[in-house]
PDB file of N, CA and C in Angstrom:
ATOM      1  N   UNK A   1     128.481 193.186 -45.729  1.00  0.00           N
ATOM      2  CA  UNK A   1     128.366 194.210 -46.679  1.00  0.00           C
ATOM      3  C   UNK A   1     127.683 195.240 -46.387  1.00  0.00           C
ATOM      4  N   UNK A   2     128.409 196.443 -46.301  1.00  0.00           N
ATOM      5  CA  UNK A   2     127.695 197.766 -46.183  1.00  0.00           C
ATOM      6  C   UNK A   2     126.458 198.073 -47.004  1.00  0.00           C
ATOM      7  N   UNK A   3     125.778 198.690 -46.888  1.00  0.00           N
ATOM      8  CA  UNK A   3     124.724 199.200 -48.070  1.00  0.00           C
ATOM      9  C   UNK A   3     125.264 200.437 -48.760  1.00  0.00           C
ATOM     10  N   UNK A   4     125.938 200.812 -48.483  1.00  0.00           N
ATOM     11  CA  UNK A   4     126.422 202.345 -48.877  1.00  0.00           C
ATOM     12  C   UNK A   4     127.698 201.620 -49.907  1.00  0.00           C
ATOM     13  N   UNK A   5     128.092 200.326 -49.788  1.00  0.00           N
ATOM     14  CA  UNK A   5     129.223 200.215 -50.512  1.00  0.00           C
ATOM     15  C   UNK A   5     128.714 200.140 -52.535  1.00  0.00           C
ATOM     16  N   UNK A   6     129.461 200.339 -53.325  1.00  0.00           N
ATOM     17  CA  UNK A   6     129.310 200.494 -54.565  1.00  0.00           C
ATOM     18  C   UNK A   6     129.370 199.169 -55.170  1.00  0.00           C
ATOM     19  N   UNK A   7     128.590 198.894 -55.947  1.00  0.00           N
ATOM     20  CA  UNK A   7     128.873 197.629 -56.883  1.00  0.00           C
ATOM     21  C   UNK A   7     128.005 197.843 -58.480  1.00  0.00           C
ATOM     22  N   UNK A   8     129.112 197.918 -59.578  1.00  0.00           N
ATOM     23  CA  UNK A   8     128.479 198.303 -60.626  1.00  0.00           C
ATOM     24  C   UNK A   8     127.899 199.839 -60.992  1.00  0.00           C
ATOM     25  N   UNK A   9     128.422 200.581 -59.905  1.00  0.00           N
ATOM     26  CA  UNK A   9     127.958 201.897 -60.236  1.00  0.00           C
ATOM     27  C   UNK A   9     126.930 202.396 -59.516  1.00  0.00           C
ATOM     28  N   UNK A  10     126.378 201.500 -58.449  1.00  0.00           N
ATOM     29  CA  UNK A  10     125.075 201.980 -57.587  1.00  0.00           C
ATOM     30  C   UNK A  10     125.549 201.300 -56.361  1.00  0.00           C
ATOM     31  N   UNK A  11     124.779 201.864 -55.108  1.00  0.00           N
ATOM     32  CA  UNK A  11     124.959 201.110 -53.800  1.00  0.00           C
ATOM     33  C   UNK A  11     124.245 200.156 -53.670  1.00  0.00           C
ATOM     34  N   UNK A  12     124.604 199.347 -53.048  1.00  0.00           N
ATOM     35  CA  UNK A  12     123.821 198.281 -52.754  1.00  0.00           C
ATOM     36  C   UNK A  12     122.260 198.650 -52.443  1.00  0.00           C
ATOM     37  N   UNK A  13     121.938 199.493 -51.370  1.00  0.00           N
ATOM     38  CA  UNK A  13     120.902 199.870 -50.904  1.00  0.00           C
ATOM     39  C   UNK A  13     120.128 200.235 -52.249  1.00  0.00           C
ATOM     40  N   UNK A  14     120.564 200.812 -53.274  1.00  0.00           N
ATOM     41  CA  UNK A  14     120.377 201.221 -54.566  1.00  0.00           C
ATOM     42  C   UNK A  14     119.590 199.799 -55.433  1.00  0.00           C
ATOM     43  N   UNK A  15     120.611 198.726 -55.446  1.00  0.00           N
ATOM     44  CA  UNK A  15     120.027 197.342 -55.750  1.00  0.00           C
ATOM     45  C   UNK A  15     119.130 196.923 -55.273  1.00  0.00           C
ATOM     46  N   UNK A  16     119.043 196.692 -54.103  1.00  0.00           N
ATOM     47  CA  UNK A  16     117.934 196.274 -52.996  1.00  0.00           C
ATOM     48  C   UNK A  16     116.729 197.034 -53.389  1.00  0.00           C
ATOM     49  N   UNK A  17     116.622 198.418 -53.519  1.00  0.00           N
ATOM     50  CA  UNK A  17     115.539 198.957 -53.867  1.00  0.00           C
ATOM     51  C   UNK A  17     114.911 198.864 -55.373  1.00  0.00           C
ATOM     52  N   UNK A  18     115.982 198.664 -56.208  1.00  0.00           N
ATOM     53  CA  UNK A  18     115.242 198.222 -57.594  1.00  0.00           C
ATOM     54  C   UNK A  18     115.022 196.959 -57.335  1.00  0.00           C
ATOM     55  N   UNK A  19     115.524 196.133 -56.693  1.00  0.00           N
ATOM     56  CA  UNK A  19     115.109 194.487 -56.933  1.00  0.00           C
ATOM     57  C   UNK A  19     113.524 194.480 -56.193  1.00  0.00           C
ATOM     58  N   UNK A  20     113.374 195.372 -55.398  1.00  0.00           N
ATOM     59  CA  UNK A  20     112.163 195.273 -54.658  1.00  0.00           C
ATOM     60  C   UNK A  20     111.317 195.772 -55.793  1.00  0.00           C
ATOM     61  N   UNK A  21     111.388 196.746 -56.181  1.00  0.00           N
ATOM     62  CA  UNK A  21     110.303 197.317 -57.020  1.00  0.00           C
ATOM     63  C   UNK A  21     110.169 196.500 -58.429  1.00  0.00           C
ATOM     64  N   UNK A  22     110.997 195.910 -58.795  1.00  0.00           N
ATOM     65  CA  UNK A  22     110.840 194.767 -59.811  1.00  0.00           C
ATOM     66  C   UNK A  22     110.071 193.943 -59.739  1.00  0.00           C
ATOM     67  N   UNK A  23     110.402 193.281 -58.553  1.00  0.00           N
ATOM     68  CA  UNK A  23     109.321 192.071 -57.694  1.00  0.00           C
ATOM     69  C   UNK A  23     108.165 192.640 -57.910  1.00  0.00           C
ATOM     70  N   UNK A  24     107.564 193.623 -56.854  1.00  0.00           N
ATOM     71  CA  UNK A  24     106.232 194.425 -56.947  1.00  0.00           C
ATOM     72  C   UNK A  24     105.738 194.594 -58.254  1.00  0.00           C
ATOM     73  N   UNK A  25     106.649 194.922 -59.044  1.00  0.00           N
ATOM     74  CA  UNK A  25     105.875 195.274 -60.329  1.00  0.00           C
ATOM     75  C   UNK A  25     105.631 193.878 -61.179  1.00  0.00           C
ATOM     76  N   UNK A  26     106.311 193.006 -61.225  1.00  0.00           N
ATOM     77  CA  UNK A  26     105.987 191.746 -61.580  1.00  0.00           C
ATOM     78  C   UNK A  26     105.130 190.946 -60.915  1.00  0.00           C
ATOM     79  N   UNK A  27     104.698 190.992 -59.752  1.00  0.00           N
ATOM     80  CA  UNK A  27     103.568 190.385 -58.938  1.00  0.00           C
ATOM     81  C   UNK A  27     102.276 191.079 -59.316  1.00  0.00           C
ATOM     82  N   UNK A  28     102.370 192.572 -59.626  1.00  0.00           N
ATOM     83  CA  UNK A  28     101.357 193.444 -59.820  1.00  0.00           C
ATOM     84  C   UNK A  28     100.885 192.996 -61.341  1.00  0.00           C
ATOM     85  N   UNK A  29     101.971 192.688 -62.493  1.00  0.00           N
ATOM     86  CA  UNK A  29     101.844 192.446 -63.691  1.00  0.00           C
ATOM     87  C   UNK A  29     101.329 190.690 -63.708  1.00  0.00           C
ATOM     88  N   UNK A  30     101.674 190.206 -63.166  1.00  0.00           N
ATOM     89  CA  UNK A  30     100.935 188.786 -63.125  1.00  0.00           C
ATOM     90  C   UNK A  30      99.343 188.841 -62.481  1.00  0.00           C
ATOM     91  N   UNK A  31      99.379 189.495 -61.449  1.00  0.00           N
ATOM     92  CA  UNK A  31      97.929 189.910 -61.007  1.00  0.00           C
ATOM     93  C   UNK A  31      96.817 190.284 -62.043  1.00  0.00           C
ATOM     94  N   UNK A  32      97.548 191.461 -62.720  1.00  0.00           N
ATOM     95  CA  UNK A  32      96.501 192.097 -63.755  1.00  0.00           C
ATOM     96  C   UNK A  32      96.616 191.167 -64.769  1.00  0.00           C
ATOM     97  N   UNK A  33      97.250 190.359 -65.184  1.00  0.00           N
ATOM     98  CA  UNK A  33      96.978 189.815 -66.453  1.00  0.00           C
ATOM     99  C   UNK A  33      96.001 188.582 -66.024  1.00  0.00           C
ATOM    100  N   UNK A  34      96.000 187.949 -64.921  1.00  0.00           N
ATOM    101  CA  UNK A  34      95.229 186.915 -64.620  1.00  0.00           C
ATOM    102  C   UNK A  34      93.695 187.554 -64.534  1.00  0.00           C
ATOM    103  N   UNK A  35      93.323 188.918 -64.072  1.00  0.00           N
ATOM    104  CA  UNK A  35      92.079 189.271 -64.005  1.00  0.00           C
ATOM    105  C   UNK A  35      91.834 189.907 -65.032  1.00  0.00           C
ATOM    106  N   UNK A  36      92.595 190.320 -66.055  1.00  0.00           N
ATOM    107  CA  UNK A  36      92.139 190.534 -67.249  1.00  0.00           C
ATOM    108  C   UNK A  36      91.892 189.613 -68.252  1.00  0.00           C
ATOM    109  N   UNK A  37      92.823 188.580 -68.085  1.00  0.00           N
ATOM    110  CA  UNK A  37      92.523 187.316 -69.075  1.00  0.00           C
ATOM    111  C   UNK A  37      91.035 186.650 -68.513  1.00  0.00           C
ATOM    112  N   UNK A  38      90.623 186.758 -67.440  1.00  0.00           N
ATOM    113  CA  UNK A  38      89.443 186.084 -67.121  1.00  0.00           C
ATOM    114  C   UNK A  38      88.400 187.232 -67.195  1.00  0.00           C
ATOM    115  N   UNK A  39      88.324 188.403 -67.028  1.00  0.00           N
ATOM    116  CA  UNK A  39      87.435 189.428 -67.601  1.00  0.00           C
ATOM    117  C   UNK A  39      87.179 189.257 -69.265  1.00  0.00           C
ATOM    118  N   UNK A  40      88.246 189.150 -70.015  1.00  0.00           N
ATOM    119  CA  UNK A  40      88.337 189.622 -71.287  1.00  0.00           C
ATOM    120  C   UNK A  40      87.602 188.003 -71.816  1.00  0.00           C
ATOM    121  N   UNK A  41      87.989 187.092 -71.327  1.00  0.00           N
ATOM    122  CA  UNK A  41      87.819 185.836 -71.517  1.00  0.00           C
ATOM    123  C   UNK A  41      86.350 185.530 -71.552  1.00  0.00           C
ATOM    124  N   UNK A  42      85.672 185.733 -70.530  1.00  0.00           N
ATOM    125  CA  UNK A  42      84.343 185.714 -69.762  1.00  0.00           C
ATOM    126  C   UNK A  42      83.451 186.484 -71.272  1.00  0.00           C
ATOM    127  N   UNK A  43      84.017 188.157 -71.382  1.00  0.00           N
ATOM    128  CA  UNK A  43      83.511 188.986 -72.424  1.00  0.00           C
ATOM    129  C   UNK A  43      83.258 188.210 -73.596  1.00  0.00           C
ATOM    130  N   UNK A  44      84.348 187.525 -74.040  1.00  0.00           N
ATOM    131  CA  UNK A  44      84.546 187.043 -75.454  1.00  0.00           C
ATOM    132  C   UNK A  44      83.601 186.126 -75.729  1.00  0.00           C
ATOM    133  N   UNK A  45      83.160 185.328 -74.470  1.00  0.00           N
ATOM    134  CA  UNK A  45      81.960 184.316 -75.018  1.00  0.00           C
ATOM    135  C   UNK A  45      80.993 184.989 -75.231  1.00  0.00           C
ATOM    136  N   UNK A  46      80.687 185.722 -74.725  1.00  0.00           N
ATOM    137  CA  UNK A  46      79.224 186.511 -75.047  1.00  0.00           C
ATOM    138  C   UNK A  46      79.116 187.094 -76.228  1.00  0.00           C
ATOM    139  N   UNK A  47      80.261 187.599 -76.970  1.00  0.00           N
ATOM    140  CA  UNK A  47      80.151 188.258 -78.114  1.00  0.00           C
ATOM    141  C   UNK A  47      80.581 187.880 -79.559  1.00  0.00           C
ATOM    142  N   UNK A  48      80.522 187.994 -80.717  1.00  0.00           N
ATOM    143  CA  UNK A  48      80.652 187.446 -81.847  1.00  0.00           C
ATOM    144  C   UNK A  48      81.955 188.133 -82.516  1.00  0.00           C
ATOM    145  N   UNK A  49      82.333 189.225 -82.132  1.00  0.00           N
ATOM    146  CA  UNK A  49      83.704 189.697 -82.699  1.00  0.00           C
ATOM    147  C   UNK A  49      84.609 188.845 -82.436  1.00  0.00           C
ATOM    148  N   UNK A  50      85.592 189.233 -83.627  1.00  0.00           N
ATOM    149  CA  UNK A  50      87.086 187.857 -83.386  1.00  0.00           C
ATOM    150  C   UNK A  50      88.030 188.980 -82.795  1.00  0.00           C
ATOM    151  N   UNK A  51      87.877 190.214 -82.363  1.00  0.00           N
ATOM    152  CA  UNK A  51      88.729 191.133 -81.817  1.00  0.00           C
ATOM    153  C   UNK A  51      89.118 190.657 -80.210  1.00  0.00           C
ATOM    154  N   UNK A  52      87.873 190.568 -79.460  1.00  0.00           N
ATOM    155  CA  UNK A  52      87.899 190.164 -78.250  1.00  0.00           C
ATOM    156  C   UNK A  52      88.143 188.855 -77.798  1.00  0.00           C
ATOM    157  N   UNK A  53      88.284 187.752 -78.928  1.00  0.00           N
ATOM    158  CA  UNK A  53      88.386 186.525 -78.896  1.00  0.00           C
ATOM    159  C   UNK A  53      90.254 186.444 -78.676  1.00  0.00           C
ATOM    160  N   UNK A  54      90.702 187.274 -79.744  1.00  0.00           N
ATOM    161  CA  UNK A  54      92.412 187.152 -79.950  1.00  0.00           C
ATOM    162  C   UNK A  54      92.911 187.779 -78.845  1.00  0.00           C
ATOM    163  N   UNK A  55      92.343 189.159 -78.110  1.00  0.00           N
ATOM    164  CA  UNK A  55      92.839 189.659 -77.103  1.00  0.00           C
ATOM    165  C   UNK A  55      92.784 188.527 -75.747  1.00  0.00           C
ATOM    166  N   UNK A  56      91.886 187.839 -75.648  1.00  0.00           N
ATOM    167  CA  UNK A  56      91.712 187.015 -74.871  1.00  0.00           C
ATOM    168  C   UNK A  56      92.681 185.991 -74.926  1.00  0.00           C
ATOM    169  N   UNK A  57      92.959 185.119 -75.932  1.00  0.00           N
ATOM    170  CA  UNK A  57      94.291 184.407 -76.363  1.00  0.00           C
ATOM    171  C   UNK A  57      95.368 184.834 -76.085  1.00  0.00           C
ATOM    172  N   UNK A  58      95.454 186.205 -76.560  1.00  0.00           N
ATOM    173  CA  UNK A  58      96.761 186.660 -76.184  1.00  0.00           C
ATOM    174  C   UNK A  58      97.176 186.677 -74.827  1.00  0.00           C
ATOM    175  N   UNK A  59      96.324 187.147 -74.088  1.00  0.00           N
ATOM    176  CA  UNK A  59      96.427 187.346 -72.411  1.00  0.00           C
ATOM    177  C   UNK A  59      96.462 186.149 -71.863  1.00  0.00           C
ATOM    178  N   UNK A  60      95.976 185.017 -72.269  1.00  0.00           N
ATOM    179  CA  UNK A  60      96.019 183.680 -71.408  1.00  0.00           C
ATOM    180  C   UNK A  60      97.196 183.080 -71.934  1.00  0.00           C
ATOM    181  N   UNK A  61      97.996 183.576 -73.223  1.00  0.00           N
ATOM    182  CA  UNK A  61      98.877 182.594 -73.636  1.00  0.00           C
ATOM    183  C   UNK A  61     100.286 183.509 -73.315  1.00  0.00           C
ATOM    184  N   UNK A  62      99.869 184.664 -72.497  1.00  0.00           N
ATOM    185  CA  UNK A  62     101.347 185.410 -71.918  1.00  0.00           C
ATOM    186  C   UNK A  62     101.959 184.446 -70.936  1.00  0.00           C
ATOM    187  N   UNK A  63     103.353 184.493 -71.233  1.00  0.00           N
ATOM    188  CA  UNK A  63     103.740 183.572 -69.908  1.00  0.00           C
ATOM    189  C   UNK A  63     104.607 184.290 -68.984  1.00  0.00           C
ATOM    190  N   UNK A  64     104.634 183.939 -67.722  1.00  0.00           N
ATOM    191  CA  UNK A  64     105.173 184.781 -66.725  1.00  0.00           C
ATOM    192  C   UNK A  64     106.539 185.214 -66.961  1.00  0.00           C
ATOM    193  N   UNK A  65     107.336 184.751 -67.705  1.00  0.00           N
ATOM    194  CA  UNK A  65     108.722 185.118 -67.924  1.00  0.00           C
ATOM    195  C   UNK A  65     108.724 186.522 -68.758  1.00  0.00           C
ATOM    196  N   UNK A  66     108.036 186.506 -69.730  1.00  0.00           N
ATOM    197  CA  UNK A  66     107.643 187.605 -70.461  1.00  0.00           C
ATOM    198  C   UNK A  66     107.506 189.256 -69.615  1.00  0.00           C
ATOM    199  N   UNK A  67     106.132 188.705 -68.630  1.00  0.00           N
ATOM    200  CA  UNK A  67     105.794 189.483 -67.425  1.00  0.00           C
ATOM    201  C   UNK A  67     107.277 190.105 -66.670  1.00  0.00           C
ATOM    202  N   UNK A  68     107.895 189.056 -66.248  1.00  0.00           N
ATOM    203  CA  UNK A  68     109.366 189.308 -65.513  1.00  0.00           C
ATOM    204  C   UNK A  68     110.378 190.426 -66.409  1.00  0.00           C
ATOM    205  N   UNK A  69     110.494 190.171 -67.569  1.00  0.00           N
ATOM    206  CA  UNK A  69     111.198 190.691 -68.557  1.00  0.00           C
ATOM    207  C   UNK A  69     110.764 192.290 -68.537  1.00  0.00           C
ATOM    208  N   UNK A  70     109.315 192.460 -68.405  1.00  0.00           N
ATOM    209  CA  UNK A  70     108.705 193.779 -68.928  1.00  0.00           C
ATOM    210  C   UNK A  70     108.908 194.630 -67.224  1.00  0.00           C
ATOM    211  N   UNK A  71     109.071 193.547 -66.100  1.00  0.00           N
ATOM    212  CA  UNK A  71     108.909 194.341 -64.827  1.00  0.00           C
ATOM    213  C   UNK A  71     110.624 194.717 -64.650  1.00  0.00           C
ATOM    214  N   UNK A  72     111.583 193.900 -65.259  1.00  0.00           N
ATOM    215  CA  UNK A  72     112.957 194.568 -64.957  1.00  0.00           C
ATOM    216  C   UNK A  72     113.148 195.734 -66.006  1.00  0.00           C
ATOM    217  N   UNK A  73     112.881 195.496 -67.065  1.00  0.00           N
ATOM    218  CA  UNK A  73     113.129 196.628 -67.927  1.00  0.00           C
ATOM    219  C   UNK A  73     112.179 198.097 -67.686  1.00  0.00           C
TER     220      UNK A  73
END
């Protein structure tokens, strides 16, 4: 298959580039989520406010497939 062949209105090379961008974006989102969950979770244990506790719970409960959807969209 040639890279200049058109599939669903885009060239194969454009599809490959889009897939690479989505994959990199997904990996960055997963890494950022892990880092933020760890940092916010540690901060939340040292404070008495509820807002940071909620944020820590939301971050730790976020599933990787949600981040994958965000990366593709």
